Amino acid sequence: MAMRAWRIVRANDDGQTWTILYEPVGDGHEHPGTVAVSIPKVAFEIRAAEHGLKDVDEVIEALLYEPLLTWMYAEGDPDVQVRLEGDAPSARARLLDQIEACRQRYGQVITEPMETSAHARRTSPPADPLRALRESVRIDPVRVAGLRVEIDGLLAAHEGGA
């Protein structure tokens, strides 16, 4: 499986969703071109609850890697599980392992701004493509805890055969 790199070009606030634009980084391989991924704003708290993620940066990273993890799963990679199981710390460890496996064997998401000329850097530093997202996303720990209680209940019911 060929390594791929995707640079985040921009994050657009579209009301109830964020649209993230991924651009392939040139490596001589055939790429489909810019890819737009829409992430519902509620997904940030849901992913925090599902995977026991600790802060906004972990949640953003998890959501940015979801498309790549989905592609890995579609290509039959045995290290990617799309099901939710186990307690929050186990789910977090599994997700972080999957993201690391993705970086090592499949592809990575680059969030640093694109390089600019030396002159442009002197007059204005490159803009963080995720700045608006990072400044806007808030995760309510009470809501996350409530969601996790619901998830634990569903998992317990499923394990119990109910």
Foldseek 3Di string as FASTA:
>chain_A
DDEWEWEFAAWDCPPQWIWTWTATDDDPDDDPGIDIDIGGLVQLLLCCLQQVDDDSVLSVQLVVCVVLLVVCVVVPPPLRDPDGADANPVSNVSSVVSQVCCVVPYYYYHQDFDDDDPVCCVVPNGDRNCVVVVVPRDHDPVVSVVSNVVVVVVNVCVVVVD
